[in-house]
Amino acid sequence: MSTLPSEVEDLRIRTRDFIRSTVIPAEPLPGERLGEDSLDRLRAAAKSAGVFAPHAPKEYGGQGLALRFWSPIFQEAGYSLIGPTVLNCQAPDEGNMHMLELIGTEDQKKQYLRPLVSGAARSCFGMTEPHPGAGSDPAALQTSAAKVHGGWIINGHKRFTSGANNAAFCIAMVRTPALDASAPEGGAPAGATMLLVDMDTPGVRIGEQISTMDRAIGGGHPHLHFEDVFVPDSAVLGTPGKGFRYAQARLGPARLTHCMRWLGLARRAMDIALDRTNTREMFGSALHELGIAQDMLALNVMDLETSDAIITKTATLLESNAKAGSALSSVAKAHTSEAVYRVIDRSLQLCGGDGVSDRLPLASYLNEVRAFRIYDGSNETHKWAIARRASAERRRAVEDGAPFQADVAQTYSSAEA
């Protein structure tokens, strides 16, 4: 029995039915993309079904779900590779909507959030840069914005700017100098600042395209150049100098929603494997009765359930304690990105030759989820941060009087002697 509130469970069921009855039959062949006309028709159908933009504010056309309830809905959307795009809860738009809702001014919400939620516009997030610029280490940010009368002048170079080819605007992370409090525009500390930049602004240029193994995010991952780009003061998202703080408000939920969507796809892969093992025979037995197949299926269930649990815990924590939730989202991202790959890989193995062919979509699923171990911060970077936090928390606990276990071990050793 579902433990979700009745209205959330109703939305989950309607989303599940819509994905299976309307979206899956419209899926393109593996490796191909959905045409814009087909996408527009599916999005219109999603709006009619009342399942469009589940995470976005109701006043802007979304379903207004609280963050702690996103996972079951996003998993249903992610059961199809094109489901999140159809429902307008795909990256990077979903993360940008969340941040605009949190820190955007009313004018910014009208100009950028409303068309983004409705599907009339798309967006990108300009963070990653060519080496030695920002990547897994955001402190290496090199794109800069200089304060001028009435606004800012941006210069810099981004890469892997997901969605940029189709975007109407970019939320650009830039390095800004300290501003004198006595200046007419007021003061702000040196640091990072987020600026809303319309993609048709003079000096904004899409550069080299980057072809990647994943295809689910429309709009590509191209280089993006800012060459003496002027934006007005009204383009500042939040407060100058606080961009890294805002980035955490965006990236914590954004990396978690990636987990939700990919977990839905892993469930689809598991269902494909179960249908195969329930209907195929090998060595005189049903495939699902063979021990090696049972082991793989059991490991899949374990990976699915542990991922679901950490996602749910993190989403709940993000609502009550954003800092702690953001830290836990690193655990969720590193675990889930590896778990969903394992689930899909085992499912492909269970399907044998069909698994590696285009008779089934599993090979294309592997390409999609493999990149997630690098996107949103490499898993190695997240594990480094997780270990540092664990060590620091333990040192603080010992300083506050917790038993020092090395001494306990020494006591046991002395007693045995």
Protein backbone atom coordinates (compact mmCIF):
# COMPACT_ATOMS: atom_id res chain seq x y z
CA MET A 1 0.00 0.00 0.00
CA SER A 2 1.33 3.43 -0.91
CA THR A 3 2.43 5.73 1.92
CA LEU A 4 2.16 8.80 -0.32
CA PRO A 5 -0.56 11.39 0.27
CA SER A 6 -3.59 10.59 -1.86
CA GLU A 7 -3.09 13.51 -4.24
CA VAL A 8 0.56 12.55 -4.83
CA GLU A 9 -0.33 8.90 -5.36
CA ASP A 10 -3.01 9.99 -7.82
CA LEU A 11 -0.44 12.01 -9.76
CA ARG A 12 1.99 9.08 -9.70
CA ILE A 13 -0.63 6.71 -11.12
CA ARG A 14 -1.68 9.21 -13.80
CA THR A 15 1.98 9.79 -14.70
CA ARG A 16 2.60 6.05 -14.85
CA ASP A 17 -0.40 5.52 -17.12
CA PHE A 18 0.53 8.45 -19.37
CA ILE A 19 4.12 7.27 -19.82
CA ARG A 20 3.05 3.73 -20.67
CA SER A 21 0.04 4.51 -22.85
CA THR A 22 1.20 7.65 -24.65
CA VAL A 23 4.95 8.23 -24.34
CA ILE A 24 6.44 4.75 -24.77
CA PRO A 25 4.58 4.09 -28.04
CA ALA A 26 6.05 7.36 -29.38
CA GLU A 27 9.66 6.61 -28.41
CA PRO A 28 12.19 7.01 -31.23
CA LEU A 29 14.43 4.09 -32.17
CA PRO A 30 17.64 3.72 -30.13
CA GLY A 31 20.13 6.41 -31.13
CA GLU A 32 17.51 8.64 -32.77
CA ARG A 33 15.92 11.82 -31.43
CA LEU A 34 12.30 12.80 -31.07
CA GLY A 35 11.23 15.44 -33.60
CA GLU A 36 10.08 18.82 -32.32
CA ASP A 37 6.57 18.39 -33.77
CA SER A 38 6.19 15.06 -32.00
CA LEU A 39 7.53 16.55 -28.78
CA ASP A 40 5.08 19.45 -28.98
CA ARG A 41 2.17 17.03 -29.42
CA LEU A 42 3.27 14.90 -26.50
CA ARG A 43 3.74 17.93 -24.27
CA ALA A 44 0.26 19.16 -25.14
CA ALA A 45 -1.08 15.71 -24.23
CA ALA A 46 0.84 15.83 -20.91
CA LYS A 47 -0.76 19.17 -20.09
CA SER A 48 -4.21 17.79 -20.90
CA ALA A 49 -3.51 14.79 -18.66
CA GLY A 50 -2.46 17.09 -15.80
CA VAL A 51 1.03 15.57 -15.45
CA PHE A 52 3.15 18.37 -16.97
CA ALA A 53 5.96 20.00 -14.94
CA PRO A 54 5.21 18.13 -11.70
CA HIS A 55 7.90 19.98 -9.71
CA ALA A 56 7.10 23.53 -10.82
CA PRO A 57 4.91 26.10 -9.02
CA LYS A 58 1.19 25.91 -9.74
CA GLU A 59 0.99 29.64 -10.42
CA TYR A 60 3.30 29.15 -13.39
CA GLY A 61 1.59 26.06 -14.79
CA GLY A 62 3.21 23.22 -12.85
CA GLN A 63 1.79 20.68 -10.42
CA GLY A 64 3.41 22.28 -7.35
CA LEU A 65 4.82 19.11 -5.76
CA ALA A 66 6.96 19.45 -2.65
CA LEU A 67 10.55 18.24 -3.15
CA ARG A 68 10.11 15.27 -0.82
CA PHE A 69 7.50 13.87 -3.26
CA TRP A 70 9.42 14.38 -6.49
CA SER A 71 11.09 10.97 -6.57
CA PRO A 72 8.09 8.68 -7.21
CA ILE A 73 6.88 11.01 -9.97
CA PHE A 74 10.29 11.51 -11.57
CA GLN A 75 10.90 7.76 -11.50
CA GLU A 76 7.66 7.22 -13.40
CA ALA A 77 8.72 9.88 -15.90
CA GLY A 78 12.18 8.32 -16.24
CA TYR A 79 10.71 4.93 -17.14
CA SER A 80 10.96 6.29 -20.68
CA LEU A 81 14.10 8.05 -21.92
CA ILE A 82 11.92 10.78 -23.41
CA GLY A 83 9.51 10.91 -20.47
CA PRO A 84 11.27 13.70 -18.52
CA THR A 85 11.52 15.86 -21.65
CA VAL A 86 7.83 15.34 -22.43
CA LEU A 87 6.85 16.18 -18.83
CA ASN A 88 9.27 19.16 -18.74
CA CYS A 89 11.21 17.83 -15.76
CA GLN A 90 14.46 17.18 -17.61
CA ALA A 91 17.85 18.75 -16.94
CA PRO A 92 18.97 21.50 -17.16
CA ASP A 93 15.56 23.19 -17.27
CA GLU A 94 14.28 21.46 -14.13
CA GLY A 95 17.23 22.68 -12.03
CA ASN A 96 16.98 26.20 -13.44
CA MET A 97 13.27 26.33 -12.65
CA HIS A 98 13.98 25.34 -9.06
CA MET A 99 16.63 28.01 -8.62
CA LEU A 100 14.56 30.76 -10.27
CA GLU A 101 11.70 29.89 -7.95
CA LEU A 102 13.98 30.09 -4.91
CA ILE A 103 15.94 33.28 -5.59
CA GLY A 104 14.52 35.00 -8.66
CA THR A 105 12.84 38.39 -8.42
CA GLU A 106 9.21 38.68 -9.43
CA ASP A 107 10.24 40.27 -12.73
CA GLN A 108 12.75 37.47 -13.37
CA LYS A 109 10.11 34.86 -12.66
CA LYS A 110 7.74 36.45 -15.14
CA GLN A 111 10.42 36.82 -17.81
CA TYR A 112 12.24 33.52 -17.39
CA LEU A 113 10.44 31.09 -15.07
CA ARG A 114 6.96 31.34 -16.58
CA PRO A 115 7.98 30.47 -20.17
CA LEU A 116 10.34 27.79 -18.88
CA VAL A 117 7.59 26.04 -16.91
CA SER A 118 5.10 26.31 -19.77
CA GLY A 119 7.57 24.79 -22.22
CA ALA A 120 7.65 27.93 -24.36
CA ALA A 121 11.38 28.37 -23.63
CA ARG A 122 14.38 26.23 -22.75
CA SER A 123 17.52 27.11 -20.88
CA CYS A 124 21.10 26.12 -20.08
CA PHE A 125 23.47 26.51 -17.13
CA GLY A 126 26.95 27.85 -17.87
CA MET A 127 29.36 26.45 -15.28
CA THR A 128 31.88 24.00 -16.77
CA GLU A 129 34.90 25.52 -18.54
CA PRO A 130 37.89 24.28 -20.54
CA HIS A 131 40.91 23.33 -18.44
CA PRO A 132 42.17 24.92 -16.25
CA GLY A 133 38.77 26.48 -15.64
CA ALA A 134 35.89 25.25 -13.51
CA GLY A 135 34.93 21.60 -13.76
CA SER A 136 34.81 19.27 -10.78
CA ASP A 137 36.51 22.14 -8.91
CA PRO A 138 34.16 25.15 -9.16
CA ALA A 139 36.73 27.35 -7.40
CA ALA A 140 38.74 27.32 -10.65
CA LEU A 141 36.09 29.53 -12.29
CA GLN A 142 37.65 31.82 -14.89
CA THR A 143 34.77 33.41 -16.81
CA SER A 144 34.50 36.92 -15.39
CA ALA A 145 32.11 39.85 -15.29
CA ALA A 146 33.28 43.41 -14.73
CA LYS A 147 30.94 46.00 -13.21
CA VAL A 148 30.09 48.91 -15.48
CA HIS A 149 27.49 51.62 -15.27
CA GLY A 150 24.05 50.00 -15.36
CA GLY A 151 25.25 46.43 -15.65
CA TRP A 152 28.05 43.96 -16.26
CA ILE A 153 30.42 43.00 -19.08
CA ILE A 154 31.01 39.23 -19.35
CA ASN A 155 34.02 37.57 -20.93
CA GLY A 156 34.78 33.89 -20.85
CA HIS A 157 34.48 30.43 -22.32
CA LYS A 158 32.22 27.59 -21.19
CA ARG A 159 32.03 24.01 -22.39
CA PHE A 160 29.61 21.12 -21.85
CA THR A 161 26.85 23.71 -21.67
CA SER A 162 24.02 21.19 -21.80
CA GLY A 163 20.98 22.33 -23.77
CA ALA A 164 22.63 25.46 -25.15
CA ASN A 165 21.69 24.81 -28.78
CA ASN A 166 17.97 25.08 -27.98
CA ALA A 167 18.17 27.56 -25.11
CA ALA A 168 16.51 30.96 -24.95
CA PHE A 169 18.69 31.98 -22.01
CA CYS A 170 21.65 30.88 -19.95
CA ILE A 171 22.29 31.14 -16.23
CA ALA A 172 26.00 31.93 -16.37
CA MET A 173 28.30 31.47 -13.41
CA VAL A 174 30.97 34.19 -13.51
CA ARG A 175 33.77 35.47 -11.30
CA THR A 176 33.15 39.01 -10.04
CA PRO A 177 35.41 41.46 -8.16
CA ALA A 178 34.64 43.02 -4.81
CA LEU A 179 32.39 46.06 -5.11
CA ASP A 180 32.90 49.17 -3.01
CA ALA A 181 29.99 49.71 -0.63
CA SER A 182 30.20 53.46 -1.30
CA ALA A 183 29.66 53.00 -5.07
CA PRO A 184 26.25 53.96 -6.49
CA GLU A 185 25.43 50.33 -7.26
CA GLY A 186 26.27 49.24 -3.69
CA GLY A 187 28.80 46.75 -2.38
CA ALA A 188 29.34 43.04 -2.70
CA PRO A 189 32.20 40.69 -1.85
CA ALA A 190 34.44 39.18 -4.47
CA GLY A 191 33.32 35.75 -5.58
CA ALA A 192 30.99 34.08 -8.03
CA THR A 193 27.83 35.64 -9.38
CA MET A 194 24.99 34.20 -11.42
CA LEU A 195 23.79 36.24 -14.38
CA LEU A 196 20.75 35.67 -16.59
CA VAL A 197 21.91 36.02 -20.19
CA ASP A 198 19.57 35.91 -23.18
CA MET A 199 21.18 33.76 -25.85
CA ASP A 200 20.52 36.35 -28.56
CA THR A 201 22.52 39.01 -26.68
CA PRO A 202 25.35 40.43 -28.81
CA GLY A 203 28.63 38.67 -27.99
CA VAL A 204 27.06 35.35 -27.01
CA ARG A 205 28.32 32.68 -29.39
CA ILE A 206 27.79 28.93 -29.49
CA GLY A 207 31.09 27.30 -30.46
CA GLU A 208 32.30 23.78 -31.09
CA GLN A 209 29.78 21.01 -30.62
CA ILE A 210 30.73 18.15 -28.30
CA SER A 211 29.40 14.76 -29.37
CA THR A 212 28.78 12.56 -26.33
CA MET A 213 27.59 9.02 -25.66
CA ASP A 214 24.32 10.24 -24.09
CA ARG A 215 21.40 11.57 -26.14
CA ALA A 216 18.56 12.16 -23.65
CA ILE A 217 19.23 15.87 -23.05
CA GLY A 218 18.19 17.87 -26.08
CA GLY A 219 20.24 20.85 -27.18
CA GLY A 220 23.64 19.16 -27.04
CA HIS A 221 26.64 20.00 -24.84
CA PRO A 222 28.48 22.69 -26.86
CA HIS A 223 31.14 25.25 -26.07
CA LEU A 224 29.70 28.68 -25.28
CA HIS A 225 31.60 31.95 -25.65
CA PHE A 226 30.96 35.32 -23.98
CA GLU A 227 32.78 38.14 -25.76
CA ASP A 228 32.19 41.57 -24.18
CA VAL A 229 28.59 40.62 -23.42
CA PHE A 230 26.65 43.38 -21.66
CA VAL A 231 23.80 42.48 -19.32
CA PRO A 232 21.89 44.95 -17.15
CA ASP A 233 21.90 44.99 -13.36
CA SER A 234 18.48 43.30 -13.46
CA ALA A 235 20.21 40.20 -14.87
CA VAL A 236 21.84 39.37 -11.51
CA LEU A 237 20.21 36.26 -10.07
CA GLY A 238 20.27 36.66 -6.31
CA THR A 239 23.09 38.76 -4.86
CA PRO A 240 26.51 39.43 -6.45
CA GLY A 241 29.27 37.36 -4.87
CA LYS A 242 26.97 34.60 -3.58
CA GLY A 243 26.90 32.44 -6.70
CA PHE A 244 28.57 29.40 -5.14
CA ARG A 245 26.03 29.38 -2.34
CA TYR A 246 23.19 29.51 -4.88
CA ALA A 247 24.88 26.82 -6.96
CA GLN A 248 24.60 24.44 -4.04
CA ALA A 249 20.90 25.27 -3.76
CA ARG A 250 20.60 24.26 -7.41
CA LEU A 251 23.07 21.39 -7.68
CA GLY A 252 21.92 19.44 -4.62
CA PRO A 253 18.36 18.91 -5.88
CA ALA A 254 19.51 18.80 -9.53
CA ARG A 255 21.93 15.91 -9.01
CA LEU A 256 19.25 14.18 -6.96
CA THR A 257 16.64 14.49 -9.71
CA HIS A 258 19.12 12.91 -12.11
CA CYS A 259 19.15 9.97 -9.70
CA MET A 260 15.36 9.84 -9.69
CA ARG A 261 15.04 9.85 -13.47
CA TRP A 262 17.78 7.27 -14.02
CA LEU A 263 16.33 5.04 -11.32
CA GLY A 264 13.09 5.00 -13.30
CA LEU A 265 15.03 3.89 -16.37
CA ALA A 266 16.77 1.17 -14.33
CA ARG A 267 13.34 -0.11 -13.29
CA ARG A 268 12.41 -0.29 -16.99
CA ALA A 269 15.57 -2.32 -17.67
CA MET A 270 14.71 -4.64 -14.80
CA ASP A 271 11.20 -5.19 -16.17
CA ILE A 272 12.68 -6.06 -19.57
CA ALA A 273 15.00 -8.58 -17.89
CA LEU A 274 12.17 -10.08 -15.83
CA ASP A 275 9.98 -10.49 -18.90
CA ARG A 276 12.89 -12.24 -20.62
CA THR A 277 13.74 -14.56 -17.71
CA ASN A 278 10.06 -15.41 -17.15
CA THR A 279 9.54 -16.54 -20.75
CA ARG A 280 12.87 -18.11 -21.79
CA GLU A 281 14.15 -21.59 -21.04
CA MET A 282 17.76 -22.71 -20.79
CA PHE A 283 19.18 -26.16 -20.02
CA GLY A 284 15.68 -27.51 -19.49
CA SER A 285 14.62 -24.91 -16.91
CA ALA A 286 12.94 -21.54 -16.97
CA LEU A 287 15.67 -18.91 -16.96
CA HIS A 288 14.33 -17.30 -13.78
CA GLU A 289 14.79 -20.62 -11.96
CA LEU A 290 18.53 -20.82 -12.64
CA GLY A 291 20.70 -19.78 -9.71
CA ILE A 292 22.97 -17.45 -11.68
CA ALA A 293 19.98 -15.57 -13.10
CA GLN A 294 18.39 -15.40 -9.63
CA ASP A 295 21.57 -13.90 -8.22
CA MET A 296 21.62 -11.18 -10.87
CA LEU A 297 17.94 -10.39 -10.39
CA ALA A 298 18.36 -10.26 -6.61
CA LEU A 299 21.31 -7.88 -6.91
CA ASN A 300 19.20 -5.69 -9.18
CA VAL A 301 16.44 -5.51 -6.59
CA MET A 302 18.98 -4.62 -3.90
CA ASP A 303 20.48 -1.83 -6.02
CA LEU A 304 17.03 -0.46 -6.88
CA GLU A 305 15.82 -0.46 -3.29
CA THR A 306 18.95 1.03 -1.71
CA SER A 307 19.00 3.77 -4.34
CA ASP A 308 15.33 4.54 -3.74
CA ALA A 309 15.93 4.74 0.01
CA ILE A 310 18.88 7.15 -0.15
CA ILE A 311 17.09 9.35 -2.70
CA THR A 312 14.00 9.56 -0.49
CA LYS A 313 16.07 10.36 2.61
CA THR A 314 18.04 13.05 0.78
CA ALA A 315 14.96 14.70 -0.72
CA THR A 316 13.33 14.91 2.72
CA LEU A 317 16.50 16.34 4.27
CA LEU A 318 16.91 18.94 1.52
CA GLU A 319 13.59 20.48 2.53
CA SER A 320 14.51 20.83 6.20
CA ASN A 321 18.30 21.33 6.12
CA ALA A 322 19.63 22.39 2.72
CA LYS A 323 23.29 22.18 3.75
CA ALA A 324 23.04 18.66 5.17
CA GLY A 325 20.83 17.60 2.27
CA SER A 326 23.34 18.88 -0.25
CA ALA A 327 26.08 16.88 1.47
CA LEU A 328 23.96 13.74 1.45
CA SER A 329 23.13 14.29 -2.23
CA SER A 330 26.78 13.47 -2.96
CA VAL A 331 26.22 10.05 -1.40
CA ALA A 332 23.00 9.59 -3.36
CA LYS A 333 24.61 10.65 -6.62
CA ALA A 334 27.70 8.46 -6.30
CA HIS A 335 25.73 5.42 -5.16
CA THR A 336 22.79 5.69 -7.57
CA SER A 337 24.83 6.49 -10.66
CA GLU A 338 26.82 3.30 -10.13
CA ALA A 339 23.83 1.21 -9.02
CA VAL A 340 21.66 2.03 -12.04
CA TYR A 341 24.53 1.15 -14.36
CA ARG A 342 24.88 -2.20 -12.63
CA VAL A 343 21.14 -2.86 -12.92
CA ILE A 344 21.05 -2.08 -16.63
CA ASP A 345 24.28 -3.99 -17.28
CA ARG A 346 22.97 -7.12 -15.53
CA SER A 347 19.64 -6.78 -17.34
CA LEU A 348 21.46 -6.59 -20.66
CA GLN A 349 23.49 -9.68 -19.75
CA LEU A 350 20.33 -11.61 -18.94
CA CYS A 351 18.93 -10.74 -22.36
CA GLY A 352 21.97 -12.11 -24.18
CA GLY A 353 22.38 -11.26 -27.85
CA ASP A 354 19.17 -9.24 -28.00
CA GLY A 355 20.49 -7.13 -25.13
CA VAL A 356 23.43 -5.82 -27.13
CA SER A 357 21.37 -5.32 -30.28
CA ASP A 358 18.81 -2.71 -31.23
CA ARG A 359 16.03 -5.26 -30.76
CA LEU A 360 16.01 -3.99 -27.17
CA PRO A 361 16.87 -0.51 -25.85
CA LEU A 362 19.24 -1.71 -23.12
CA ALA A 363 22.50 -0.89 -24.91
CA SER A 364 21.32 2.69 -25.46
CA TYR A 365 20.36 2.87 -21.77
CA LEU A 366 23.92 1.97 -20.80
CA ASN A 367 25.25 4.84 -22.90
CA GLU A 368 22.86 7.25 -21.20
CA VAL A 369 23.58 6.34 -17.59
CA ARG A 370 27.34 5.85 -17.94
CA ALA A 371 27.90 9.56 -18.42
CA PHE A 372 26.17 10.34 -15.11
CA ARG A 373 29.21 9.11 -13.19
CA ILE A 374 31.00 12.16 -14.62
CA TYR A 375 28.21 14.74 -14.97
CA ASP A 376 27.25 16.81 -11.90
CA GLY A 377 30.72 16.26 -10.48
CA SER A 378 32.67 13.06 -11.05
CA ASN A 379 32.01 10.27 -8.59
CA GLU A 380 35.66 10.43 -7.52
CA THR A 381 35.19 14.08 -6.54
CA HIS A 382 32.04 13.24 -4.59
CA LYS A 383 33.76 10.35 -2.80
CA TRP A 384 36.66 12.63 -1.88
CA ALA A 385 34.19 15.10 -0.36
CA ILE A 386 32.25 12.33 1.39
CA ALA A 387 35.43 10.96 3.01
CA ARG A 388 36.60 14.43 4.10
CA ARG A 389 33.23 15.15 5.72
CA ALA A 390 33.23 11.78 7.52
CA SER A 391 36.75 12.38 8.88
CA ALA A 392 35.92 15.93 9.99
CA GLU A 393 32.70 14.85 11.70
CA ARG A 394 34.51 12.13 13.60
CA ARG A 395 37.24 14.53 14.75
CA ARG A 396 34.59 16.93 16.05
CA ALA A 397 32.81 14.10 17.84
CA VAL A 398 36.02 13.03 19.60
CA GLU A 399 36.73 16.63 20.58
CA ASP A 400 33.24 16.78 22.07
CA GLY A 401 33.89 13.74 24.25
CA ALA A 402 33.07 10.68 22.14
CA PRO A 403 35.27 7.62 22.86
CA PHE A 404 38.48 7.59 20.85
CA GLN A 405 38.38 4.12 19.32
CA ALA A 406 42.12 3.86 18.75
CA ASP A 407 42.54 4.00 22.55
CA VAL A 408 39.84 1.36 22.97
CA ALA A 409 41.68 -0.91 20.56
CA GLN A 410 44.90 -0.37 22.53
CA THR A 411 43.07 -1.31 25.74
CA TYR A 412 41.84 -4.57 24.21
CA SER A 413 45.33 -5.33 22.95
CA SER A 414 46.84 -4.76 26.41
CA ALA A 415 44.16 -6.92 28.07
CA GLU A 416 44.85 -9.81 25.70
CA ALA A 417 48.57 -9.58 26.43
